[in-house]
C-alpha atoms as a PDB file:
ATOM      1  CA  MET A   1      84.212 107.512  28.019  1.00  0.00           C
ATOM      2  CA  SER A   2      82.417 106.446  24.984  1.00  0.00           C
ATOM      3  CA  ASP A   3      78.831 105.801  24.447  1.00  0.00           C
ATOM      4  CA  CYS A   4      79.335 102.207  24.065  1.00  0.00           C
ATOM      5  CA  PHE A   5      81.180 102.121  27.454  1.00  0.00           C
ATOM      6  CA  LEU A   6      78.594 103.990  29.281  1.00  0.00           C
ATOM      7  CA  ASN A   7      75.747 101.924  27.670  1.00  0.00           C
ATOM      8  CA  SER A   8      77.140  98.544  28.293  1.00  0.00           C
ATOM      9  CA  ILE A   9      79.101  98.381  31.761  1.00  0.00           C
ATOM     10  CA  LYS A  10      77.172  96.670  34.538  1.00  0.00           C
ATOM     11  CA  LEU A  11      80.165  96.435  37.121  1.00  0.00           C
ATOM     12  CA  LEU A  12      82.785  99.036  38.109  1.00  0.00           C
ATOM     13  CA  CYS A  13      85.224  98.467  40.869  1.00  0.00           C
ATOM     14  CA  LEU A  14      87.687 101.370  41.730  1.00  0.00           C
ATOM     15  CA  ARG A  15      87.790 100.622  45.280  1.00  0.00           C
ATOM     16  CA  SER A  16      91.523 100.804  47.526  1.00  0.00           C
ATOM     17  CA  ASN A  17      93.237 102.791  45.000  1.00  0.00           C
ATOM     18  CA  GLN A  18      94.833 106.242  45.679  1.00  0.00           C
ATOM     19  CA  LEU A  19      91.898 108.497  43.912  1.00  0.00           C
ATOM     20  CA  HIS A  20      91.469 111.734  44.749  1.00  0.00           C
ATOM     21  CA  GLY A  21      89.340 114.903  43.806  1.00  0.00           C
ATOM     22  CA  ARG A  22      85.662 114.818  43.167  1.00  0.00           C
ATOM     23  CA  ILE A  23      83.782 112.196  41.472  1.00  0.00           C
ATOM     24  CA  PRO A  24      83.037 113.107  38.098  1.00  0.00           C
ATOM     25  CA  ASP A  25      79.512 114.301  37.149  1.00  0.00           C
ATOM     26  CA  ASN A  26      78.989 111.998  34.255  1.00  0.00           C
ATOM     27  CA  PHE A  27      79.369 108.632  36.283  1.00  0.00           C
ATOM     28  CA  GLY A  28      75.713 109.269  36.653  1.00  0.00           C
ATOM     29  CA  ASP A  29      75.407 108.659  32.725  1.00  0.00           C
ATOM     30  CA  PHE A  30      76.141 104.816  33.320  1.00  0.00           C
ATOM     31  CA  LYS A  31      72.971 103.170  31.953  1.00  0.00           C
ATOM     32  CA  LYS A  32      73.117  99.755  33.056  1.00  0.00           C
ATOM     33  CA  ILE A  33      75.470  99.991  35.873  1.00  0.00           C
ATOM     34  CA  GLN A  34      74.520  97.452  38.797  1.00  0.00           C
ATOM     35  CA  LEU A  35      77.469  97.504  40.998  1.00  0.00           C
ATOM     36  CA  LEU A  36      79.780 100.674  41.482  1.00  0.00           C
ATOM     37  CA  HIS A  37      82.618 100.641  44.138  1.00  0.00           C
ATOM     38  CA  PHE A  38      84.443 103.720  44.992  1.00  0.00           C
ATOM     39  CA  GLY A  39      85.369 102.863  48.724  1.00  0.00           C
ATOM     40  CA  GLY A  40      88.886 103.102  50.155  1.00  0.00           C
ATOM     41  CA  ASN A  41      90.050 106.180  48.192  1.00  0.00           C
ATOM     42  CA  SER A  42      90.389 109.938  48.806  1.00  0.00           C
ATOM     43  CA  PHE A  43      87.387 111.310  46.992  1.00  0.00           C
ATOM     44  CA  SER A  44      86.327 114.560  48.340  1.00  0.00           C
ATOM     45  CA  GLY A  45      83.700 117.247  47.984  1.00  0.00           C
ATOM     46  CA  PRO A  46      79.891 116.655  48.056  1.00  0.00           C
ATOM     47  CA  ILE A  47      78.358 113.380  46.698  1.00  0.00           C
ATOM     48  CA  LEU A  48      76.604 114.324  43.444  1.00  0.00           C
ATOM     49  CA  GLY A  49      72.829 114.135  43.150  1.00  0.00           C
ATOM     50  CA  SER A  50      73.330 112.773  39.323  1.00  0.00           C
ATOM     51  CA  LEU A  51      74.341 109.743  40.833  1.00  0.00           C
ATOM     52  CA  ALA A  52      70.640 109.088  41.551  1.00  0.00           C
ATOM     53  CA  LYS A  53      70.207 108.828  37.814  1.00  0.00           C
ATOM     54  CA  LEU A  54      71.670 105.148  38.036  1.00  0.00           C
ATOM     55  CA  SER A  55      68.272 103.322  38.178  1.00  0.00           C
ATOM     56  CA  SER A  56      69.645 100.233  37.745  1.00  0.00           C
ATOM     57  CA  LEU A  57      72.068 100.339  40.311  1.00  0.00           C
ATOM     58  CA  GLN A  58      71.956  97.596  43.103  1.00  0.00           C
ATOM     59  CA  GLU A  59      75.340  97.860  45.192  1.00  0.00           C
ATOM     60  CA  PHE A  60      76.935 101.066  45.948  1.00  0.00           C
ATOM     61  CA  SER A  61      80.258 101.659  47.994  1.00  0.00           C
ATOM     62  CA  LEU A  62      81.473 104.875  48.828  1.00  0.00           C
ATOM     63  CA  TYR A  63      82.774 104.209  52.439  1.00  0.00           C
ATOM     64  CA  GLY A  64      86.339 105.395  53.633  1.00  0.00           C
ATOM     65  CA  ASN A  65      86.444 108.846  51.469  1.00  0.00           C
ATOM     66  CA  ASN A  66      86.566 112.405  52.685  1.00  0.00           C
ATOM     67  CA  PHE A  67      82.937 113.769  51.177  1.00  0.00           C
ATOM     68  CA  SER A  68      81.627 116.807  52.592  1.00  0.00           C
ATOM     69  CA  GLY A  69      77.807 117.563  53.051  1.00  0.00           C
ATOM     70  CA  SER A  70      75.127 115.067  53.568  1.00  0.00           C
ATOM     71  CA  LEU A  71      73.805 112.428  51.117  1.00  0.00           C
ATOM     72  CA  PRO A  72      71.639 113.710  48.370  1.00  0.00           C
ATOM     73  CA  GLU A  73      68.055 113.805  48.600  1.00  0.00           C
ATOM     74  CA  SER A  74      67.979 112.414  45.259  1.00  0.00           C
ATOM     75  CA  PHE A  75      69.417 109.081  46.397  1.00  0.00           C
ATOM     76  CA  GLY A  76      65.686 108.130  47.602  1.00  0.00           C
ATOM     77  CA  GLN A  77      65.047 107.586  43.908  1.00  0.00           C
ATOM     78  CA  LEU A  78      67.464 104.699  43.688  1.00  0.00           C
ATOM     79  CA  SER A  79      64.709 102.199  43.603  1.00  0.00           C
ATOM     80  CA  SER A  80      66.835  99.265  42.528  1.00  0.00           C
ATOM     81  CA  LEU A  81      69.427  99.616  45.393  1.00  0.00           C
ATOM     82  CA  GLU A  82      69.965  96.869  47.565  1.00  0.00           C
ATOM     83  CA  GLU A  83      73.337  97.254  49.271  1.00  0.00           C
ATOM     84  CA  LEU A  84      74.555 100.945  50.417  1.00  0.00           C
ATOM     85  CA  TYR A  85      77.850 101.611  52.023  1.00  0.00           C
ATOM     86  CA  VAL A  86      78.933 105.015  53.113  1.00  0.00           C
ATOM     87  CA  ASP A  87      80.671 104.572  56.446  1.00  0.00           C
ATOM     88  CA  ASP A  88      83.615 106.727  57.290  1.00  0.00           C
ATOM     89  CA  CYS A  89      82.828 109.540  54.926  1.00  0.00           C
ATOM     90  CA  PHE A  90      82.807 112.501  57.062  1.00  0.00           C
ATOM     91  CA  LEU A  91      79.149 113.272  56.019  1.00  0.00           C
ATOM     92  CA  GLN A  92      77.096 115.608  58.225  1.00  0.00           C
ATOM     93  CA  GLY A  93      73.749 116.713  58.211  1.00  0.00           C
ATOM     94  CA  THR A  94      70.084 115.599  58.254  1.00  0.00           C
ATOM     95  CA  LEU A  95      68.141 112.824  56.536  1.00  0.00           C
ATOM     96  CA  THR A  96      64.475 112.660  56.004  1.00  0.00           C
ATOM     97  CA  GLU A  97      62.046 110.129  54.592  1.00  0.00           C
ATOM     98  CA  ARG A  98      62.509 111.690  51.122  1.00  0.00           C
ATOM     99  CA  HIS A  99      66.498 110.350  51.467  1.00  0.00           C
ATOM    100  CA  PHE A 100      64.727 106.809  51.252  1.00  0.00           C
ATOM    101  CA  SER A 101      61.278 107.657  49.564  1.00  0.00           C
ATOM    102  CA  ASN A 102      61.462 104.747  47.034  1.00  0.00           C
ATOM    103  CA  MET A 103      64.323 102.460  48.209  1.00  0.00           C
ATOM    104  CA  LYS A 104      61.836  99.535  48.367  1.00  0.00           C
ATOM    105  CA  ASN A 105      64.750  96.962  47.597  1.00  0.00           C
ATOM    106  CA  LEU A 106      67.079  98.214  50.315  1.00  0.00           C
ATOM    107  CA  ARG A 107      68.530  95.383  52.438  1.00  0.00           C
ATOM    108  CA  ILE A 108      71.689  96.683  53.603  1.00  0.00           C
ATOM    109  CA  LEU A 109      72.465 100.043  55.084  1.00  0.00           C
ATOM    110  CA  SER A 110      75.797 100.484  56.328  1.00  0.00           C
ATOM    111  CA  ALA A 111      76.795 104.139  57.190  1.00  0.00           C
ATOM    112  CA  SER A 112      78.628 104.224  60.517  1.00  0.00           C
ATOM    113  CA  SER A 113      81.018 106.837  61.844  1.00  0.00           C
ATOM    114  CA  ASN A 114      79.241 109.982  59.985  1.00  0.00           C
ATOM    115  CA  SER A 115      77.802 112.819  61.819  1.00  0.00           C
ATOM    116  CA  LEU A 116      74.336 112.307  60.488  1.00  0.00           C
ATOM    117  CA  LEU A 117      70.820 113.172  62.169  1.00  0.00           C
ATOM    118  CA  LEU A 118      67.652 110.928  61.269  1.00  0.00           C
ATOM    119  CA  ASN A 119      64.856 113.145  61.450  1.00  0.00           C
ATOM    120  CA  VAL A 120      61.613 111.241  60.351  1.00  0.00           C
ATOM    121  CA  SER A 121      57.663 111.608  61.681  1.00  0.00           C
ATOM    122  CA  LEU A 122      56.945 109.460  64.449  1.00  0.00           C
ATOM    123  CA  ASP A 123      54.453 107.559  62.083  1.00  0.00           C
ATOM    124  CA  TRP A 124      57.189 106.781  59.411  1.00  0.00           C
ATOM    125  CA  VAL A 125      57.027 103.079  57.929  1.00  0.00           C
ATOM    126  CA  PRO A 126      60.169 102.629  55.707  1.00  0.00           C
ATOM    127  CA  PRO A 127      59.629 101.190  52.159  1.00  0.00           C
ATOM    128  CA  PHE A 128      62.756  98.838  52.830  1.00  0.00           C
ATOM    129  CA  ARG A 129      62.989  95.564  54.910  1.00  0.00           C
ATOM    130  CA  LEU A 130      66.645  95.492  56.112  1.00  0.00           C
ATOM    131  CA  THR A 131      68.687  92.463  57.194  1.00  0.00           C
ATOM    132  CA  ALA A 132      71.523  94.841  58.255  1.00  0.00           C
ATOM    133  CA  LEU A 133      71.532  98.308  59.669  1.00  0.00           C
ATOM    134  CA  LYS A 134      74.725  99.809  61.019  1.00  0.00           C
ATOM    135  CA  VAL A 135      74.676 103.608  62.064  1.00  0.00           C
ATOM    136  CA  LEU A 136      77.056 103.745  64.621  1.00  0.00           C
ATOM    137  CA  SER A 137      77.457 107.673  65.868  1.00  0.00           C
ATOM    138  CA  TRP A 138      74.366 108.791  64.164  1.00  0.00           C
ATOM    139  CA  ARG A 139      71.681 110.463  66.260  1.00  0.00           C
ATOM    140  CA  PHE A 140      67.731 110.287  66.022  1.00  0.00           C
ATOM    141  CA  ALA A 141      65.184 112.782  66.570  1.00  0.00           C
ATOM    142  CA  GLY A 142      63.124 112.141  69.523  1.00  0.00           C
ATOM    143  CA  ALA A 143      64.087 110.053  72.658  1.00  0.00           C
ATOM    144  CA  GLY A 144      64.465 106.212  73.113  1.00  0.00           C
ATOM    145  CA  THR A 145      64.725 103.622  70.378  1.00  0.00           C
ATOM    146  CA  PRO A 146      63.214 105.068  66.848  1.00  0.00           C
ATOM    147  CA  LEU A 147      59.816 103.683  66.398  1.00  0.00           C
ATOM    148  CA  TRP A 148      60.231 102.545  62.754  1.00  0.00           C
ATOM    149  CA  ILE A 149      62.887  99.848  63.575  1.00  0.00           C
ATOM    150  CA  GLU A 150      59.969  97.764  64.563  1.00  0.00           C
ATOM    151  CA  SER A 151      59.198  97.424  61.091  1.00  0.00           C
ATOM    152  CA  GLN A 152      62.552  95.717  60.606  1.00  0.00           C
ATOM    153  CA  ARG A 153      62.008  92.494  62.019  1.00  0.00           C
ATOM    154  CA  HIS A 154      64.034  90.809  59.321  1.00  0.00           C
ATOM    155  CA  ILE A 155      67.521  92.254  60.714  1.00  0.00           C
ATOM    156  CA  SER A 156      70.181  89.990  61.635  1.00  0.00           C
ATOM    157  CA  GLU A 157      72.996  92.555  61.956  1.00  0.00           C
ATOM    158  CA  LEU A 158      72.129  95.709  63.874  1.00  0.00           C
ATOM    159  CA  ASP A 159      74.480  98.248  65.220  1.00  0.00           C
ATOM    160  CA  LEU A 160      72.861 101.058  66.944  1.00  0.00           C
ATOM    161  CA  SER A 161      76.095 101.891  69.204  1.00  0.00           C
ATOM    162  CA  ASP A 162      76.709 105.668  70.278  1.00  0.00           C
ATOM    163  CA  THR A 163      73.667 106.991  68.838  1.00  0.00           C
ATOM    164  CA  GLY A 164      72.220 108.291  72.141  1.00  0.00           C
ATOM    165  CA  ILE A 165      69.385 105.825  72.630  1.00  0.00           C
ATOM    166  CA  SER A 166      68.079 105.363  75.932  1.00  0.00           C
ATOM    167  CA  GLY A 167      65.396 103.592  78.025  1.00  0.00           C
ATOM    168  CA  THR A 168      64.566  99.804  77.156  1.00  0.00           C
ATOM    169  CA  ILE A 169      64.701  98.352  73.914  1.00  0.00           C
ATOM    170  CA  PRO A 170      62.351  95.889  72.103  1.00  0.00           C
ATOM    171  CA  SER A 171      62.270  92.261  73.212  1.00  0.00           C
ATOM    172  CA  TRP A 172      62.859  91.073  69.686  1.00  0.00           C
ATOM    173  CA  PHE A 173      66.351  92.967  69.722  1.00  0.00           C
ATOM    174  CA  TRP A 174      67.592  89.703  72.016  1.00  0.00           C
ATOM    175  CA  GLU A 175      66.789  87.452  69.034  1.00  0.00           C
ATOM    176  CA  ILE A 176      69.276  89.392  66.318  1.00  0.00           C
ATOM    177  CA  PRO A 177      72.441  87.233  66.065  1.00  0.00           C
ATOM    178  CA  PHE A 178      74.596  90.388  65.701  1.00  0.00           C
ATOM    179  CA  LEU A 179      73.779  93.122  68.085  1.00  0.00           C
ATOM    180  CA  ASN A 180      76.060  96.176  69.024  1.00  0.00           C
ATOM    181  CA  LEU A 181      74.292  98.837  71.378  1.00  0.00           C
ATOM    182  CA  THR A 182      77.423  99.834  73.212  1.00  0.00           C
ATOM    183  CA  GLU A 183      77.754 103.565  74.739  1.00  0.00           C
ATOM    184  CA  ASN A 184      74.292 104.296  75.011  1.00  0.00           C
ATOM    185  CA  ASP A 185      71.808 105.130  77.743  1.00  0.00           C
ATOM    186  CA  LEU A 186      70.086 101.761  77.749  1.00  0.00           C
ATOM    187  CA  CYS A 187      68.667  99.799  80.989  1.00  0.00           C
ATOM    188  CA  GLY A 188      66.842  96.923  82.039  1.00  0.00           C
ATOM    189  CA  GLU A 189      67.377  93.390  82.662  1.00  0.00           C
ATOM    190  CA  ILE A 190      68.518  91.110  79.721  1.00  0.00           C
ATOM    191  CA  PRO A 191      66.788  87.826  79.198  1.00  0.00           C
ATOM    192  CA  ASN A 192      68.494  84.353  78.261  1.00  0.00           C
ATOM    193  CA  LEU A 193      70.233  84.887  74.643  1.00  0.00           C
ATOM    194  CA  SER A 194      69.532  81.573  72.762  1.00  0.00           C
ATOM    195  CA  ARG A 195      70.304  82.860  69.176  1.00  0.00           C
ATOM    196  CA  ALA A 196      72.792  85.495  69.553  1.00  0.00           C
ATOM    197  CA  ARG A 197      76.315  85.084  68.168  1.00  0.00           C
ATOM    198  CA  TYR A 198      77.997  88.551  68.818  1.00  0.00           C
ATOM    199  CA  VAL A 199      76.594  90.989  71.638  1.00  0.00           C
ATOM    200  CA  TYR A 200      78.282  94.306  72.418  1.00  0.00           C
ATOM    201  CA  LEU A 201      76.251  96.125  75.525  1.00  0.00           C
ATOM    202  CA  SER A 202      79.073  97.660  77.072  1.00  0.00           C
ATOM    203  CA  SER A 203      78.826 101.236  78.780  1.00  0.00           C
ATOM    204  CA  ASN A 204      75.008 101.055  79.085  1.00  0.00           C
ATOM    205  CA  ARG A 205      72.986 100.778  82.487  1.00  0.00           C
ATOM    206  CA  PHE A 206      71.780  97.391  82.146  1.00  0.00           C
ATOM    207  CA  SER A 207      71.059  95.407  85.258  1.00  0.00           C
ATOM    208  CA  GLY A 208      70.212  92.078  87.009  1.00  0.00           C
ATOM    209  CA  SER A 209      71.978  88.599  86.699  1.00  0.00           C
ATOM    210  CA  LEU A 210      73.906  87.692  83.879  1.00  0.00           C
ATOM    211  CA  PRO A 211      71.713  86.096  81.022  1.00  0.00           C
ATOM    212  CA  ARG A 212      72.233  82.334  80.202  1.00  0.00           C
ATOM    213  CA  VAL A 213      73.774  82.131  76.615  1.00  0.00           C
ATOM    214  CA  GLY A 214      73.220  79.481  73.831  1.00  0.00           C
ATOM    215  CA  ASP A 215      75.608  77.447  72.173  1.00  0.00           C
ATOM    216  CA  ALA A 216      75.991  79.962  69.003  1.00  0.00           C
ATOM    217  CA  LEU A 217      77.593  82.628  71.024  1.00  0.00           C
ATOM    218  CA  VAL A 218      81.107  83.642  69.827  1.00  0.00           C
ATOM    219  CA  GLU A 219      81.671  87.200  71.443  1.00  0.00           C
ATOM    220  CA  MET A 220      80.194  88.895  74.259  1.00  0.00           C
ATOM    221  CA  ASP A 221      81.052  92.281  75.895  1.00  0.00           C
ATOM    222  CA  LEU A 222      78.783  93.281  78.812  1.00  0.00           C
ATOM    223  CA  SER A 223      81.346  95.501  80.290  1.00  0.00           C
ATOM    224  CA  ASP A 224      80.723  98.697  82.313  1.00  0.00           C
ATOM    225  CA  ASN A 225      77.216  98.062  83.189  1.00  0.00           C
ATOM    226  CA  SER A 226      75.387  97.230  86.593  1.00  0.00           C
ATOM    227  CA  PHE A 227      75.114  93.509  86.554  1.00  0.00           C
ATOM    228  CA  SER A 228      75.165  91.977  90.010  1.00  0.00           C
ATOM    229  CA  GLY A 229      75.012  88.563  91.740  1.00  0.00           C
ATOM    230  CA  SER A 230      76.993  85.089  91.445  1.00  0.00           C
ATOM    231  CA  MET A 231      78.490  83.814  88.409  1.00  0.00           C
ATOM    232  CA  THR A 232      77.344  80.155  88.932  1.00  0.00           C
ATOM    233  CA  ARG A 233      74.277  80.218  86.887  1.00  0.00           C
ATOM    234  CA  PHE A 234      75.908  81.861  83.869  1.00  0.00           C
ATOM    235  CA  VAL A 235      79.114  79.703  83.944  1.00  0.00           C
ATOM    236  CA  CYS A 236      77.856  76.157  85.247  1.00  0.00           C
ATOM    237  CA  ASN A 237      75.064  73.684  84.142  1.00  0.00           C
ATOM    238  CA  SER A 238      75.417  73.843  80.470  1.00  0.00           C
ATOM    239  CA  SER A 239      74.481  70.939  78.327  1.00  0.00           C
ATOM    240  CA  TYR A 240      76.905  71.692  75.560  1.00  0.00           C
ATOM    241  CA  THR A 241      80.439  72.998  75.082  1.00  0.00           C
ATOM    242  CA  HIS A 242      80.419  76.681  74.554  1.00  0.00           C
ATOM    243  CA  LYS A 243      81.957  78.414  71.507  1.00  0.00           C
ATOM    244  CA  VAL A 244      82.785  81.532  73.167  1.00  0.00           C
ATOM    245  CA  GLU A 245      86.021  83.204  72.384  1.00  0.00           C
ATOM    246  CA  ILE A 246      85.901  86.806  73.741  1.00  0.00           C
ATOM    247  CA  LEU A 247      83.996  87.103  76.996  1.00  0.00           C
ATOM    248  CA  HIS A 248      83.968  90.595  78.423  1.00  0.00           C
ATOM    249  CA  LEU A 249      82.380  91.149  81.854  1.00  0.00           C
ATOM    250  CA  ALA A 250      84.529  93.792  83.660  1.00  0.00           C
ATOM    251  CA  ALA A 251      83.379  96.967  85.628  1.00  0.00           C
ATOM    252  CA  ASN A 252      80.152  95.276  87.037  1.00  0.00           C
ATOM    253  CA  GLN A 253      78.953  94.572  90.356  1.00  0.00           C
ATOM    254  CA  LEU A 254      79.408  90.474  89.889  1.00  0.00           C
ATOM    255  CA  ASN A 255      80.180  88.758  93.349  1.00  0.00           C
ATOM    256  CA  GLY A 256      80.739  85.690  95.318  1.00  0.00           C
ATOM    257  CA  GLU A 257      83.137  83.281  94.419  1.00  0.00           C
ATOM    258  CA  LEU A 258      84.340  82.424  90.848  1.00  0.00           C
ATOM    259  CA  PRO A 259      82.713  78.865  89.878  1.00  0.00           C
ATOM    260  CA  ASP A 260      84.788  75.973  89.032  1.00  0.00           C
ATOM    261  CA  CYS A 261      83.089  74.947  85.749  1.00  0.00           C
ATOM    262  CA  TRP A 262      85.472  76.540  82.864  1.00  0.00           C
ATOM    263  CA  LYS A 263      85.903  73.169  81.262  1.00  0.00           C
ATOM    264  CA  GLU A 264      82.975  73.761  78.995  1.00  0.00           C
ATOM    265  CA  TRP A 265      84.580  77.104  77.967  1.00  0.00           C
ATOM    266  CA  ALA A 266      87.382  75.768  76.085  1.00  0.00           C
ATOM    267  CA  SER A 267      87.224  77.925  73.068  1.00  0.00           C
ATOM    268  CA  LEU A 268      87.846  81.220  75.342  1.00  0.00           C
ATOM    269  CA  LYS A 269      90.908  83.453  74.028  1.00  0.00           C
ATOM    270  CA  TYR A 270      90.133  86.526  75.808  1.00  0.00           C
ATOM    271  CA  LEU A 271      88.637  86.696  79.544  1.00  0.00           C
ATOM    272  CA  ASN A 272      87.934  89.533  81.375  1.00  0.00           C
ATOM    273  CA  LEU A 273      86.348  89.661  84.882  1.00  0.00           C
ATOM    274  CA  GLY A 274      88.010  92.808  86.188  1.00  0.00           C
ATOM    275  CA  ASP A 275      86.706  95.249  88.490  1.00  0.00           C
ATOM    276  CA  ASN A 276      83.811  93.551  90.059  1.00  0.00           C
ATOM    277  CA  GLU A 277      83.504  91.999  93.432  1.00  0.00           C
ATOM    278  CA  LEU A 278      84.394  88.354  93.062  1.00  0.00           C
ATOM    279  CA  SER A 279      86.168  86.503  95.817  1.00  0.00           C
ATOM    280  CA  GLY A 280      87.623  83.274  97.025  1.00  0.00           C
ATOM    281  CA  VAL A 281      90.261  81.377  95.076  1.00  0.00           C
ATOM    282  CA  ILE A 282      90.783  81.426  91.360  1.00  0.00           C
ATOM    283  CA  PRO A 283      89.539  78.117  90.317  1.00  0.00           C
ATOM    284  CA  ASN A 284      91.482  75.335  88.915  1.00  0.00           C
ATOM    285  CA  SER A 285      89.529  74.665  85.848  1.00  0.00           C
ATOM    286  CA  ILE A 286      90.916  78.043  84.458  1.00  0.00           C
ATOM    287  CA  GLY A 287      93.714  75.934  83.540  1.00  0.00           C
ATOM    288  CA  PHE A 288      91.584  74.020  81.219  1.00  0.00           C
ATOM    289  CA  LEU A 289      91.101  76.732  78.633  1.00  0.00           C
ATOM    290  CA  ALA A 290      94.015  75.888  76.535  1.00  0.00           C
ATOM    291  CA  ASN A 291      93.037  78.596  73.730  1.00  0.00           C
ATOM    292  CA  LEU A 292      93.344  81.503  76.515  1.00  0.00           C
ATOM    293  CA  GLN A 293      95.641  84.585  75.509  1.00  0.00           C
ATOM    294  CA  SER A 294      94.347  87.204  78.045  1.00  0.00           C
ATOM    295  CA  LEU A 295      93.325  86.633  81.499  1.00  0.00           C
ATOM    296  CA  ASN A 296      92.079  89.564  83.637  1.00  0.00           C
ATOM    297  CA  LEU A 297      90.904  89.252  87.012  1.00  0.00           C
ATOM    298  CA  TYR A 298      92.234  92.621  88.259  1.00  0.00           C
ATOM    299  CA  ARG A 299      90.329  94.744  91.214  1.00  0.00           C
ATOM    300  CA  ASN A 300      88.528  91.868  92.796  1.00  0.00           C
ATOM    301  CA  ASN A 301      88.980  90.035  96.132  1.00  0.00           C
ATOM    302  CA  PHE A 302      90.711  87.103  95.074  1.00  0.00           C
ATOM    303  CA  SER A 303      92.915  85.205  97.500  1.00  0.00           C
ATOM    304  CA  GLY A 304      95.311  82.299  97.809  1.00  0.00           C
ATOM    305  CA  PHE A 305      97.502  80.735  95.442  1.00  0.00           C
ATOM    306  CA  ILE A 306      97.430  81.288  91.580  1.00  0.00           C
ATOM    307  CA  PRO A 307      96.392  77.703  90.408  1.00  0.00           C
ATOM    308  CA  SER A 308      99.178  75.708  88.913  1.00  0.00           C
ATOM    309  CA  SER A 309      97.007  74.563  86.444  1.00  0.00           C
ATOM    310  CA  LEU A 310      97.680  77.679  84.526  1.00  0.00           C
ATOM    311  CA  HIS A 311     101.027  75.938  83.148  1.00  0.00           C
ATOM    312  CA  LYS A 312      98.583  74.140  80.449  1.00  0.00           C
ATOM    313  CA  CYS A 313      97.608  77.491  79.078  1.00  0.00           C
ATOM    314  CA  ASN A 314     100.360  77.893  76.952  1.00  0.00           C
ATOM    315  CA  GLN A 315      98.886  80.504  74.468  1.00  0.00           C
ATOM    316  CA  LEU A 316      98.795  83.192  77.426  1.00  0.00           C
ATOM    317  CA  LEU A 317      99.963  86.315  76.462  1.00  0.00           C
ATOM    318  CA  LYS A 318      98.627  88.560  79.325  1.00  0.00           C
ATOM    319  CA  ILE A 319      97.739  87.823  82.848  1.00  0.00           C
ATOM    320  CA  GLU A 320      96.193  90.878  84.839  1.00  0.00           C
ATOM    321  CA  LEU A 321      95.653  90.022  88.588  1.00  0.00           C
ATOM    322  CA  SER A 322      96.596  93.458  90.030  1.00  0.00           C
ATOM    323  CA  GLU A 323      94.342  95.029  93.015  1.00  0.00           C
ATOM    324  CA  ASN A 324      93.402  91.567  94.655  1.00  0.00           C
ATOM    325  CA  HIS A 325      93.873  90.051  98.085  1.00  0.00           C
ATOM    326  CA  SER A 326      96.871  88.635  99.100  1.00  0.00           C
ATOM    327  CA  LEU A 327      97.578  86.312  95.915  1.00  0.00           C
ATOM    328  CA  GLN A 328     100.402  84.212  96.173  1.00  0.00           C
ATOM    329  CA  PRO A 329     102.729  84.525  93.130  1.00  0.00           C
ATOM    330  CA  TRP A 330     103.165  81.664  90.742  1.00  0.00           C
ATOM    331  CA  ILE A 331     104.262  81.385  87.097  1.00  0.00           C
ATOM    332  CA  GLY A 332     104.602  78.165  85.422  1.00  0.00           C
ATOM    333  CA  THR A 333     107.644  77.177  83.452  1.00  0.00           C
ATOM    334  CA  THR A 334     105.659  76.435  80.082  1.00  0.00           C
ATOM    335  CA  LEU A 335     104.231  79.712  79.710  1.00  0.00           C
ATOM    336  CA  VAL A 336     106.858  80.613  77.015  1.00  0.00           C
ATOM    337  CA  GLU A 337     104.767  82.930  75.177  1.00  0.00           C
ATOM    338  CA  ILE A 338     103.932  85.378  77.982  1.00  0.00           C
ATOM    339  CA  ASP A 339     105.079  88.853  77.775  1.00  0.00           C
ATOM    340  CA  GLN A 340     103.037  90.392  80.553  1.00  0.00           C
ATOM    341  CA  PHE A 341     102.479  89.365  84.092  1.00  0.00           C
ATOM    342  CA  GLN A 342     101.136  91.929  86.374  1.00  0.00           C
ATOM    343  CA  ARG A 343     100.113  91.655  90.142  1.00  0.00           C
END
């Protein structure tokens, strides 16, 4: 690479090719590089500390490679860095305050699916203010939700799934539009979710009644928790039409009859209420879900006839009604796309 090239280029994108081997050390010599993308290749070996010399770097993408070791401590000197993507890189090791010491402009940290431990002091206040933090499968020193996250209240996308956190979570988390806390040991009741758009809380110990949701919600997964009580307050009495496309409430303790108020949930594509304690008949308004592709009511106490209104759901690909009480078989003639019917 000529000196002219090294001194002038501001953007270099090599992502999603078939590059392999180690990243050459002289990539650290790009004087004015602002965007550097290596993601989606097969680079291996350690991530070189010499890359920390890229003082103008604003966006750095390394995701989907086969690196070894941890992030270099020298990365903490990337003071211009705004976005860092190192997901699925086979990284392992311990990160400390020094790895982020001068990252005052960092806004997006996306580093999921690595075996990293963040070990910082209890009174650490990061120099950055994140809008997105995605660290699936990380571990944090200490119990509970890391205290330093309290300083990150501008976050609109938070993924702490499978990080081993436990206990209750800060109340302001429920205002985050994209929230993923699946596969942890979290507990407590959930307040009404007025701002949430994507909420994933499966495989925890949340309890109490289902929360009321706002008109922004698109996907929600509360499966494998301990929610209980009737679904009437959750499903009915809305003053707006829901935008929800995915609703997964399986493996809880919901009981009573399934309310007949589903007309306002017309955007639903996937509905899973399986493995609860719901009873009575399957309500007729389920048939008004014209976009429904997967209906899962297995392992409940439903009885009576499968409603004939389901013939309107001509997008259905799956109906799963196994392990219920004396349901009477019926299948409409217009469900031409269906490839699975289980009873």
